[in-house]
PDB file of all heavy atoms in Angstrom:
ATOM      1  N   SER A   1      93.492 108.843 124.036  1.00  0.00           N
ATOM      2  CA  SER A   1      94.011 107.659 123.365  1.00  0.00           C
ATOM      3  C   SER A   1      93.711 107.709 121.877  1.00  0.00           C
ATOM      4  O   SER A   1      92.716 108.296 121.439  1.00  0.00           O
ATOM      5  CB  SER A   1      93.395 106.386 123.947  1.00  0.00           C
ATOM      6  OG  SER A   1      93.705 106.226 125.314  1.00  0.00           O
ATOM      7  N   LEU A   2      94.574 107.077 121.107  1.00  0.00           N
ATOM      8  CA  LEU A   2      94.379 106.845 119.693  1.00  0.00           C
ATOM      9  C   LEU A   2      94.947 105.480 119.348  1.00  0.00           C
ATOM     10  O   LEU A   2      95.852 104.987 120.028  1.00  0.00           O
ATOM     11  CB  LEU A   2      95.079 107.905 118.835  1.00  0.00           C
ATOM     12  CG  LEU A   2      94.479 109.301 118.745  1.00  0.00           C
ATOM     13  CD1 LEU A   2      95.435 110.216 117.975  1.00  0.00           C
ATOM     14  CD2 LEU A   2      93.121 109.273 118.068  1.00  0.00           C
ATOM     15  N   ARG A   3      94.434 104.891 118.274  1.00  0.00           N
ATOM     16  CA  ARG A   3      94.999 103.662 117.749  1.00  0.00           C
ATOM     17  C   ARG A   3      95.342 103.854 116.285  1.00  0.00           C
ATOM     18  O   ARG A   3      94.470 104.160 115.465  1.00  0.00           O
ATOM     19  CB  ARG A   3      94.045 102.477 117.906  1.00  0.00           C
ATOM     20  CG  ARG A   3      94.703 101.155 117.486  1.00  0.00           C
ATOM     21  CD  ARG A   3      93.828  99.949 117.745  1.00  0.00           C
ATOM     22  NE  ARG A   3      92.684  99.903 116.852  1.00  0.00           N
ATOM     23  CZ  ARG A   3      91.866  98.860 116.748  1.00  0.00           C
ATOM     24  NH1 ARG A   3      92.081  97.774 117.502  1.00  0.00           N
ATOM     25  NH2 ARG A   3      90.840  98.903 115.923  1.00  0.00           N
ATOM     26  N   LEU A   4      96.602 103.668 115.960  1.00  0.00           N
ATOM     27  CA  LEU A   4      97.073 103.752 114.595  1.00  0.00           C
ATOM     28  C   LEU A   4      97.083 102.371 113.956  1.00  0.00           C
ATOM     29  O   LEU A   4      97.332 101.371 114.627  1.00  0.00           O
ATOM     30  CB  LEU A   4      98.479 104.348 114.538  1.00  0.00           C
ATOM     31  CG  LEU A   4      98.695 105.684 115.246  1.00  0.00           C
ATOM     32  CD1 LEU A   4     100.125 106.163 115.039  1.00  0.00           C
ATOM     33  CD2 LEU A   4      97.689 106.720 114.761  1.00  0.00           C
ATOM     34  N   SER A   5      96.838 102.334 112.653  1.00  0.00           N
ATOM     35  CA  SER A   5      96.866 101.093 111.890  1.00  0.00           C
ATOM     36  C   SER A   5      97.798 101.244 110.706  1.00  0.00           C
ATOM     37  O   SER A   5      97.937 102.333 110.146  1.00  0.00           O
ATOM     38  CB  SER A   5      95.469 100.723 111.383  1.00  0.00           C
ATOM     39  OG  SER A   5      94.559 100.549 112.445  1.00  0.00           O
ATOM     40  N   CYS A   6      98.419 100.151 110.311  1.00  0.00           N
ATOM     41  CA  CYS A   6      99.291 100.123 109.149  1.00  0.00           C
ATOM     42  C   CYS A   6      99.086  98.815 108.417  1.00  0.00           C
ATOM     43  O   CYS A   6      99.343  97.745 108.978  1.00  0.00           O
ATOM     44  CB  CYS A   6     100.757 100.286 109.563  1.00  0.00           C
ATOM     45  SG  CYS A   6     101.933 100.045 108.215  1.00  0.00           S
ATOM     46  N   ALA A   7      98.633  98.904 107.172  1.00  0.00           N
ATOM     47  CA  ALA A   7      98.422  97.733 106.342  1.00  0.00           C
ATOM     48  C   ALA A   7      99.591  97.558 105.386  1.00  0.00           C
ATOM     49  O   ALA A   7     100.096  98.524 104.823  1.00  0.00           O
ATOM     50  CB  ALA A   7      97.119  97.861 105.555  1.00  0.00           C
ATOM     51  N   ALA A   8     100.004  96.315 105.203  1.00  0.00           N
ATOM     52  CA  ALA A   8     101.130  95.985 104.347  1.00  0.00           C
ATOM     53  C   ALA A   8     100.772  94.852 103.404  1.00  0.00           C
ATOM     54  O   ALA A   8      99.894  94.037 103.716  1.00  0.00           O
ATOM     55  CB  ALA A   8     102.350  95.594 105.182  1.00  0.00           C
ATOM     56  N   PRO A   9     101.437  94.747 102.261  1.00  0.00           N
ATOM     57  CA  PRO A   9     101.260  93.572 101.421  1.00  0.00           C
ATOM     58  C   PRO A   9     101.614  92.315 102.192  1.00  0.00           C
ATOM     59  O   PRO A   9     102.556  92.298 102.985  1.00  0.00           O
ATOM     60  CB  PRO A   9     102.227  93.811 100.255  1.00  0.00           C
ATOM     61  CG  PRO A   9     102.414  95.293 100.217  1.00  0.00           C
ATOM     62  CD  PRO A   9     102.356  95.731 101.645  1.00  0.00           C
ATOM     63  N   ALA A  10     100.866  91.252 101.957  1.00  0.00           N
ATOM     64  CA  ALA A  10     101.023  90.031 102.737  1.00  0.00           C
ATOM     65  C   ALA A  10     102.440  89.485 102.674  1.00  0.00           C
ATOM     66  O   ALA A  10     102.993  89.065 103.696  1.00  0.00           O
ATOM     67  CB  ALA A  10     100.020  88.976 102.270  1.00  0.00           C
ATOM     68  N   ALA A  11     103.039  89.472 101.501  1.00  0.00           N
ATOM     69  CA  ALA A  11     104.377  88.912 101.359  1.00  0.00           C
ATOM     70  C   ALA A  11     105.400  89.695 102.163  1.00  0.00           C
ATOM     71  O   ALA A  11     106.373  89.120 102.662  1.00  0.00           O
ATOM     72  CB  ALA A  11     104.772  88.869  99.884  1.00  0.00           C
ATOM     73  N   ILE A  12     105.204  90.990 102.277  1.00  0.00           N
ATOM     74  CA  ILE A  12     106.094  91.819 103.069  1.00  0.00           C
ATOM     75  C   ILE A  12     105.818  91.634 104.551  1.00  0.00           C
ATOM     76  O   ILE A  12     106.735  91.450 105.360  1.00  0.00           O
ATOM     77  CB  ILE A  12     105.946  93.301 102.673  1.00  0.00           C
ATOM     78  CG1 ILE A  12     106.301  93.493 101.197  1.00  0.00           C
ATOM     79  CG2 ILE A  12     106.814  94.180 103.568  1.00  0.00           C
ATOM     80  CD1 ILE A  12     107.702  93.101 100.834  1.00  0.00           C
ATOM     81  N   PHE A  13     104.550  91.658 104.922  1.00  0.00           N
ATOM     82  CA  PHE A  13     104.166  91.613 106.325  1.00  0.00           C
ATOM     83  C   PHE A  13     104.654  90.337 107.008  1.00  0.00           C
ATOM     84  O   PHE A  13     105.176  90.380 108.126  1.00  0.00           O
ATOM     85  CB  PHE A  13     102.644  91.728 106.444  1.00  0.00           C
ATOM     86  CG  PHE A  13     102.145  91.833 107.858  1.00  0.00           C
ATOM     87  CD1 PHE A  13     102.039  93.062 108.478  1.00  0.00           C
ATOM     88  CD2 PHE A  13     101.771  90.700 108.563  1.00  0.00           C
ATOM     89  CE1 PHE A  13     101.573  93.170 109.774  1.00  0.00           C
ATOM     90  CE2 PHE A  13     101.307  90.797 109.863  1.00  0.00           C
ATOM     91  CZ  PHE A  13     101.210  92.031 110.474  1.00  0.00           C
ATOM     92  N   ARG A  14     104.491  89.213 106.349  1.00  0.00           N
ATOM     93  CA  ARG A  14     104.780  87.927 106.982  1.00  0.00           C
ATOM     94  C   ARG A  14     106.265  87.692 107.197  1.00  0.00           C
ATOM     95  O   ARG A  14     106.629  86.821 107.999  1.00  0.00           O
ATOM     96  CB  ARG A  14     104.182  86.795 106.144  1.00  0.00           C
ATOM     97  CG  ARG A  14     102.664  86.804 106.131  1.00  0.00           C
ATOM     98  CD  ARG A  14     102.107  85.668 105.296  1.00  0.00           C
ATOM     99  NE  ARG A  14     100.654  85.707 105.236  1.00  0.00           N
ATOM    100  CZ  ARG A  14      99.847  85.167 106.147  1.00  0.00           C
ATOM    101  NH1 ARG A  14     100.354  84.534 107.183  1.00  0.00           N
ATOM    102  NH2 ARG A  14      98.537  85.261 106.005  1.00  0.00           N
ATOM    103  N   SER A  15     107.122  88.416 106.508  1.00  0.00           N
ATOM    104  CA  SER A  15     108.558  88.211 106.608  1.00  0.00           C
ATOM    105  C   SER A  15     109.289  89.405 107.203  1.00  0.00           C
ATOM    106  O   SER A  15     110.522  89.445 107.164  1.00  0.00           O
ATOM    107  CB  SER A  15     109.139  87.894 105.230  1.00  0.00           C
ATOM    108  OG  SER A  15     108.914  88.959 104.327  1.00  0.00           O
ATOM    109  N   SER A  16     108.558  90.360 107.769  1.00  0.00           N
ATOM    110  CA  SER A  16     109.164  91.601 108.218  1.00  0.00           C
ATOM    111  C   SER A  16     108.903  91.868 109.688  1.00  0.00           C
ATOM    112  O   SER A  16     107.838  91.551 110.215  1.00  0.00           O
ATOM    113  CB  SER A  16     108.625  92.786 107.407  1.00  0.00           C
ATOM    114  OG  SER A  16     108.936  92.663 106.036  1.00  0.00           O
ATOM    115  N   ASN A  17     109.900  92.469 110.336  1.00  0.00           N
ATOM    116  CA  ASN A  17     109.649  93.139 111.596  1.00  0.00           C
ATOM    117  C   ASN A  17     108.910  94.437 111.287  1.00  0.00           C
ATOM    118  O   ASN A  17     109.352  95.226 110.442  1.00  0.00           O
ATOM    119  CB  ASN A  17     110.951  93.457 112.318  1.00  0.00           C
ATOM    120  CG  ASN A  17     111.694  92.216 112.747  1.00  0.00           C
ATOM    121  OD1 ASN A  17     111.121  91.141 112.863  1.00  0.00           O
ATOM    122  ND2 ASN A  17     112.993  92.374 113.006  1.00  0.00           N
ATOM    123  N   MET A  18     107.790  94.648 111.959  1.00  0.00           N
ATOM    124  CA  MET A  18     106.989  95.848 111.746  1.00  0.00           C
ATOM    125  C   MET A  18     107.258  96.843 112.869  1.00  0.00           C
ATOM    126  O   MET A  18     107.337  96.466 114.034  1.00  0.00           O
ATOM    127  CB  MET A  18     105.506  95.508 111.694  1.00  0.00           C
ATOM    128  CG  MET A  18     105.123  94.512 110.611  1.00  0.00           C
ATOM    129  SD  MET A  18     105.477  95.117 108.931  1.00  0.00           S
ATOM    130  CE  MET A  18     104.426  96.574 108.863  1.00  0.00           C
ATOM    131  N   GLY A  19     107.379  98.107 112.493  1.00  0.00           N
ATOM    132  CA  GLY A  19     107.685  99.120 113.484  1.00  0.00           C
ATOM    133  C   GLY A  19     106.978 100.424 113.224  1.00  0.00           C
ATOM    134  O   GLY A  19     106.471 100.683 112.128  1.00  0.00           O
ATOM    135  N   TRP A  20     106.948 101.238 114.265  1.00  0.00           N
ATOM    136  CA  TRP A  20     106.439 102.595 114.189  1.00  0.00           C
ATOM    137  C   TRP A  20     107.555 103.562 114.547  1.00  0.00           C
ATOM    138  O   TRP A  20     108.251 103.375 115.552  1.00  0.00           O
ATOM    139  CB  TRP A  20     105.254 102.806 115.127  1.00  0.00           C
ATOM    140  CG  TRP A  20     104.001 102.125 114.687  1.00  0.00           C
ATOM    141  CD1 TRP A  20     103.542 100.909 115.088  1.00  0.00           C
ATOM    142  CD2 TRP A  20     103.037 102.633 113.764  1.00  0.00           C
ATOM    143  NE1 TRP A  20     102.354 100.617 114.470  1.00  0.00           N
ATOM    144  CE2 TRP A  20     102.016 101.667 113.648  1.00  0.00           C
ATOM    145  CE3 TRP A  20     102.928 103.811 113.022  1.00  0.00           C
ATOM    146  CZ2 TRP A  20     100.907 101.842 112.827  1.00  0.00           C
ATOM    147  CZ3 TRP A  20     101.832 103.981 112.200  1.00  0.00           C
ATOM    148  CH2 TRP A  20     100.836 103.007 112.110  1.00  0.00           C
ATOM    149  N   TYR A  21     107.713 104.571 113.717  1.00  0.00           N
ATOM    150  CA  TYR A  21     108.608 105.687 113.974  1.00  0.00           C
ATOM    151  C   TYR A  21     107.779 106.959 114.072  1.00  0.00           C
ATOM    152  O   TYR A  21     106.616 106.992 113.662  1.00  0.00           O
ATOM    153  CB  TYR A  21     109.637 105.843 112.855  1.00  0.00           C
ATOM    154  CG  TYR A  21     110.682 104.748 112.787  1.00  0.00           C
ATOM    155  CD1 TYR A  21     110.358 103.467 112.360  1.00  0.00           C
ATOM    156  CD2 TYR A  21     112.005 105.007 113.134  1.00  0.00           C
ATOM    157  CE1 TYR A  21     111.315 102.477 112.290  1.00  0.00           C
ATOM    158  CE2 TYR A  21     112.971 104.022 113.064  1.00  0.00           C
ATOM    159  CZ  TYR A  21     112.618 102.759 112.638  1.00  0.00           C
ATOM    160  OH  TYR A  21     113.573 101.775 112.567  1.00  0.00           O
ATOM    161  N   ARG A  22     108.384 107.997 114.597  1.00  0.00           N
ATOM    162  CA  ARG A  22     107.716 109.288 114.608  1.00  0.00           C
ATOM    163  C   ARG A  22     108.737 110.398 114.452  1.00  0.00           C
ATOM    164  O   ARG A  22     109.912 110.238 114.787  1.00  0.00           O
ATOM    165  CB  ARG A  22     106.899 109.495 115.885  1.00  0.00           C
ATOM    166  CG  ARG A  22     107.724 109.641 117.153  1.00  0.00           C
ATOM    167  CD  ARG A  22     106.816 109.734 118.368  1.00  0.00           C
ATOM    168  NE  ARG A  22     107.565 109.923 119.603  1.00  0.00           N
ATOM    169  CZ  ARG A  22     107.031 109.904 120.817  1.00  0.00           C
ATOM    170  NH1 ARG A  22     105.716 109.699 120.955  1.00  0.00           N
ATOM    171  NH2 ARG A  22     107.786 110.087 121.889  1.00  0.00           N
ATOM    172  N   GLN A  23     108.262 111.517 113.930  1.00  0.00           N
ATOM    173  CA  GLN A  23     109.088 112.698 113.793  1.00  0.00           C
ATOM    174  C   GLN A  23     108.259 113.911 114.190  1.00  0.00           C
ATOM    175  O   GLN A  23     107.314 114.273 113.488  1.00  0.00           O
ATOM    176  CB  GLN A  23     109.625 112.864 112.374  1.00  0.00           C
ATOM    177  CG  GLN A  23     110.624 114.000 112.239  1.00  0.00           C
ATOM    178  CD  GLN A  23     111.409 113.932 110.944  1.00  0.00           C
ATOM    179  OE1 GLN A  23     111.065 113.180 110.031  1.00  0.00           O
ATOM    180  NE2 GLN A  23     112.468 114.710 110.866  1.00  0.00           N
ATOM    181  N   GLY A  24     108.591 114.498 115.325  1.00  0.00           N
ATOM    182  CA  GLY A  24     107.906 115.679 115.798  1.00  0.00           C
ATOM    183  C   GLY A  24     108.482 116.941 115.197  1.00  0.00           C
ATOM    184  O   GLY A  24     109.535 116.921 114.552  1.00  0.00           O
ATOM    185  N   PRO A  25     107.798 118.065 115.406  1.00  0.00           N
ATOM    186  CA  PRO A  25     108.276 119.337 114.858  1.00  0.00           C
ATOM    187  C   PRO A  25     109.680 119.665 115.352  1.00  0.00           C
ATOM    188  O   PRO A  25     109.925 119.702 116.565  1.00  0.00           O
ATOM    189  CB  PRO A  25     107.255 120.353 115.370  1.00  0.00           C
ATOM    190  CG  PRO A  25     106.034 119.544 115.678  1.00  0.00           C
ATOM    191  CD  PRO A  25     106.539 118.224 116.147  1.00  0.00           C
ATOM    192  N   GLY A  26     110.584 119.880 114.434  1.00  0.00           N
ATOM    193  CA  GLY A  26     111.945 120.235 114.779  1.00  0.00           C
ATOM    194  C   GLY A  26     112.761 119.126 115.406  1.00  0.00           C
ATOM    195  O   GLY A  26     113.818 119.401 115.980  1.00  0.00           O
ATOM    196  N   LYS A  27     112.301 117.896 115.303  1.00  0.00           N
ATOM    197  CA  LYS A  27     112.992 116.778 115.928  1.00  0.00           C
ATOM    198  C   LYS A  27     113.440 115.755 114.891  1.00  0.00           C
ATOM    199  O   LYS A  27     112.939 115.726 113.767  1.00  0.00           O
ATOM    200  CB  LYS A  27     112.086 116.088 116.950  1.00  0.00           C
ATOM    201  CG  LYS A  27     111.655 116.974 118.106  1.00  0.00           C
ATOM    202  CD  LYS A  27     110.770 116.209 119.072  1.00  0.00           C
ATOM    203  CE  LYS A  27     110.346 117.071 120.239  1.00  0.00           C
ATOM    204  NZ  LYS A  27     109.478 116.310 121.185  1.00  0.00           N
ATOM    205  N   GLN A  28     114.384 114.919 115.293  1.00  0.00           N
ATOM    206  CA  GLN A  28     114.829 113.824 114.450  1.00  0.00           C
ATOM    207  C   GLN A  28     113.830 112.674 114.498  1.00  0.00           C
ATOM    208  O   GLN A  28     113.058 112.536 115.453  1.00  0.00           O
ATOM    209  CB  GLN A  28     116.205 113.339 114.899  1.00  0.00           C
ATOM    210  CG  GLN A  28     117.304 114.388 114.804  1.00  0.00           C
ATOM    211  CD  GLN A  28     117.578 114.785 113.381  1.00  0.00           C
ATOM    212  OE1 GLN A  28     117.624 113.939 112.488  1.00  0.00           O
ATOM    213  NE2 GLN A  28     117.753 116.080 113.147  1.00  0.00           N
ATOM    214  N   ARG A  29     113.845 111.856 113.467  1.00  0.00           N
ATOM    215  CA  ARG A  29     112.997 110.686 113.449  1.00  0.00           C
ATOM    216  C   ARG A  29     113.408 109.724 114.564  1.00  0.00           C
ATOM    217  O   ARG A  29     114.595 109.473 114.783  1.00  0.00           O
ATOM    218  CB  ARG A  29     113.069 109.988 112.092  1.00  0.00           C
ATOM    219  CG  ARG A  29     112.136 108.802 111.954  1.00  0.00           C
ATOM    220  CD  ARG A  29     112.135 108.251 110.537  1.00  0.00           C
ATOM    221  NE  ARG A  29     111.598 109.219 109.594  1.00  0.00           N
ATOM    222  CZ  ARG A  29     111.481 109.000 108.286  1.00  0.00           C
ATOM    223  NH1 ARG A  29     111.872 107.842 107.776  1.00  0.00           N
ATOM    224  NH2 ARG A  29     110.986 109.943 107.502  1.00  0.00           N
TER     225      ARG A  29
END
């Protein structure tokens, strides 16, 4: 297991949908 964190400016965070993307070797995002 791992836990990733992402910090954002408050004005952005409070008005945004937050998401995680990934891109593996040789793969599309």
